[in-house]
C-alpha atoms as a PDB file:
ATOM      1  CA  MET A   1       1.501  -3.257 -19.571  1.00  0.00           C
ATOM      2  CA  SER A   2      -0.228   0.002 -20.249  1.00  0.00           C
ATOM      3  CA  LYS A   3      -0.180   2.956 -17.880  1.00  0.00           C
ATOM      4  CA  ARG A   4      -3.831   2.368 -16.919  1.00  0.00           C
ATOM      5  CA  GLU A   5      -3.023  -1.199 -15.794  1.00  0.00           C
ATOM      6  CA  ASP A   6      -0.040   0.091 -13.783  1.00  0.00           C
ATOM      7  CA  VAL A   7      -2.337   2.389 -11.812  1.00  0.00           C
ATOM      8  CA  ALA A   8      -4.855  -0.382 -11.186  1.00  0.00           C
ATOM      9  CA  TYR A   9      -2.494  -2.662  -9.260  1.00  0.00           C
ATOM     10  CA  THR A  10      -1.127   0.144  -7.060  1.00  0.00           C
ATOM     11  CA  ASP A  11      -4.668   1.363  -6.366  1.00  0.00           C
ATOM     12  CA  ALA A  12      -5.699  -2.184  -5.446  1.00  0.00           C
ATOM     13  CA  ALA A  13      -2.774  -2.459  -3.026  1.00  0.00           C
ATOM     14  CA  VAL A  14      -3.556   0.890  -1.355  1.00  0.00           C
ATOM     15  CA  ALA A  15      -7.247  -0.017  -1.040  1.00  0.00           C
ATOM     16  CA  PHE A  16      -6.311  -3.358   0.544  1.00  0.00           C
ATOM     17  CA  VAL A  17      -4.015  -1.700   3.098  1.00  0.00           C
ATOM     18  CA  GLN A  18      -6.734   0.832   3.904  1.00  0.00           C
ATOM     19  CA  SER A  19      -9.347  -1.856   4.474  1.00  0.00           C
ATOM     20  CA  LYS A  20      -7.167  -4.231   6.496  1.00  0.00           C
ATOM     21  CA  LEU A  21      -5.279  -1.686   8.608  1.00  0.00           C
ATOM     22  CA  GLY A  22      -7.884   1.079   8.875  1.00  0.00           C
ATOM     23  CA  ILE A  23      -5.635   3.835   7.516  1.00  0.00           C
ATOM     24  CA  ASP A  24      -7.146   6.923   5.850  1.00  0.00           C
ATOM     25  CA  ASP A  25      -6.198   7.692   2.249  1.00  0.00           C
ATOM     26  CA  ASP A  26      -4.215  10.773   3.276  1.00  0.00           C
ATOM     27  CA  GLY A  27      -2.140   8.600   5.614  1.00  0.00           C
ATOM     28  CA  LEU A  28      -0.687   6.474   2.804  1.00  0.00           C
ATOM     29  CA  GLN A  29       1.715   7.037  -0.055  1.00  0.00           C
ATOM     30  CA  VAL A  30       2.995   4.568  -2.637  1.00  0.00           C
ATOM     31  CA  HIS A  31       6.753   4.499  -2.173  1.00  0.00           C
ATOM     32  CA  ALA A  32       7.660   1.974  -4.863  1.00  0.00           C
ATOM     33  CA  ALA A  33       6.032  -0.567  -7.155  1.00  0.00           C
ATOM     34  CA  TYR A  34       7.391  -3.444  -9.206  1.00  0.00           C
ATOM     35  CA  GLN A  35       5.787  -5.642 -11.825  1.00  0.00           C
ATOM     36  CA  GLY A  36       7.356  -9.056 -12.264  1.00  0.00           C
ATOM     37  CA  SER A  37       6.522 -11.874 -14.620  1.00  0.00           C
ATOM     38  CA  HIS A  38       4.480 -13.753 -11.975  1.00  0.00           C
ATOM     39  CA  SER A  39       3.519 -11.137  -9.397  1.00  0.00           C
ATOM     40  CA  ASP A  40       3.362  -7.434  -8.617  1.00  0.00           C
ATOM     41  CA  HIS A  41       4.718  -5.783  -5.463  1.00  0.00           C
ATOM     42  CA  VAL A  42       3.752  -2.431  -3.962  1.00  0.00           C
ATOM     43  CA  TYR A  43       5.463  -0.698  -1.049  1.00  0.00           C
ATOM     44  CA  VAL A  44       3.365   1.859   0.833  1.00  0.00           C
ATOM     45  CA  THR A  45       4.576   4.276   3.513  1.00  0.00           C
ATOM     46  CA  GLN A  46       2.506   5.606   6.406  1.00  0.00           C
ATOM     47  CA  HIS A  47       2.155   9.342   6.999  1.00  0.00           C
ATOM     48  CA  HIS A  48       0.577  11.426   9.760  1.00  0.00           C
ATOM     49  CA  GLN A  49      -0.374  15.066   9.281  1.00  0.00           C
ATOM     50  CA  GLY A  50       1.570  15.063   6.024  1.00  0.00           C
ATOM     51  CA  LEU A  51       4.797  13.736   7.546  1.00  0.00           C
ATOM     52  CA  PRO A  52       6.236  10.274   6.891  1.00  0.00           C
ATOM     53  CA  ILE A  53       6.560   7.967   9.893  1.00  0.00           C
ATOM     54  CA  ALA A  54      10.042   6.447  10.094  1.00  0.00           C
ATOM     55  CA  ASN A  55      10.158   2.746   9.228  1.00  0.00           C
ATOM     56  CA  ALA A  56       6.357   2.496   8.779  1.00  0.00           C
ATOM     57  CA  VAL A  57       6.108   0.482   5.565  1.00  0.00           C
ATOM     58  CA  ALA A  58       3.587  -1.997   4.201  1.00  0.00           C
ATOM     59  CA  ASN A  59       4.425  -4.384   1.403  1.00  0.00           C
ATOM     60  CA  VAL A  60       1.679  -5.938  -0.699  1.00  0.00           C
ATOM     61  CA  ALA A  61       2.136  -8.803  -3.157  1.00  0.00           C
ATOM     62  CA  LEU A  62      -0.482  -9.380  -5.842  1.00  0.00           C
ATOM     63  CA  ASN A  63      -0.762 -12.203  -8.347  1.00  0.00           C
ATOM     64  CA  LYS A  64      -1.309 -11.473 -12.023  1.00  0.00           C
ATOM     65  CA  ALA A  65      -5.085 -11.762 -11.503  1.00  0.00           C
ATOM     66  CA  GLY A  66      -4.875  -8.749  -9.183  1.00  0.00           C
ATOM     67  CA  LYS A  67      -5.561 -10.713  -5.990  1.00  0.00           C
ATOM     68  CA  VAL A  68      -3.529  -9.928  -2.876  1.00  0.00           C
ATOM     69  CA  THR A  69      -1.410 -12.917  -1.873  1.00  0.00           C
ATOM     70  CA  ALA A  70       0.612 -11.366   0.975  1.00  0.00           C
ATOM     71  CA  LEU A  71       0.664  -8.321   3.232  1.00  0.00           C
ATOM     72  CA  GLY A  72       3.412  -7.305   5.634  1.00  0.00           C
ATOM     73  CA  SER A  73       3.283  -4.134   7.691  1.00  0.00           C
ATOM     74  CA  SER A  74       5.235  -2.191  10.289  1.00  0.00           C
ATOM     75  CA  PHE A  75       2.558   0.518  10.540  1.00  0.00           C
ATOM     76  CA  ILE A  76       1.757   2.026  13.917  1.00  0.00           C
ATOM     77  CA  ARG A  77      -1.647   2.711  15.418  1.00  0.00           C
ATOM     78  CA  ILE A  78      -2.325   6.435  15.693  1.00  0.00           C
ATOM     79  CA  CYS A  79      -4.808   7.544  18.336  1.00  0.00           C
ATOM     80  CA  LYS A  80      -7.281  10.093  17.064  1.00  0.00           C
ATOM     81  CA  SER A  81      -7.942  12.897  19.536  1.00  0.00           C
ATOM     82  CA  SER A  82     -11.153  14.879  19.451  1.00  0.00           C
END
């Protein structure tokens, strides 16, 4: 696959995690990504104020059509103070 296609599946995974778990873009970082023959997998870590949160990982599986087929997460809810 080309580099542009590589970016598309990781972006899709991050956008899905953001929408389902309500995490801001600056609170996520792609840790690892893998493209297999039948599916793609993206591992995203959670951050707060620029620091990674220990053991806070989401894994997203996508089929070759780019549709999310599975999401697992150990993210924590962070209370926003005003």
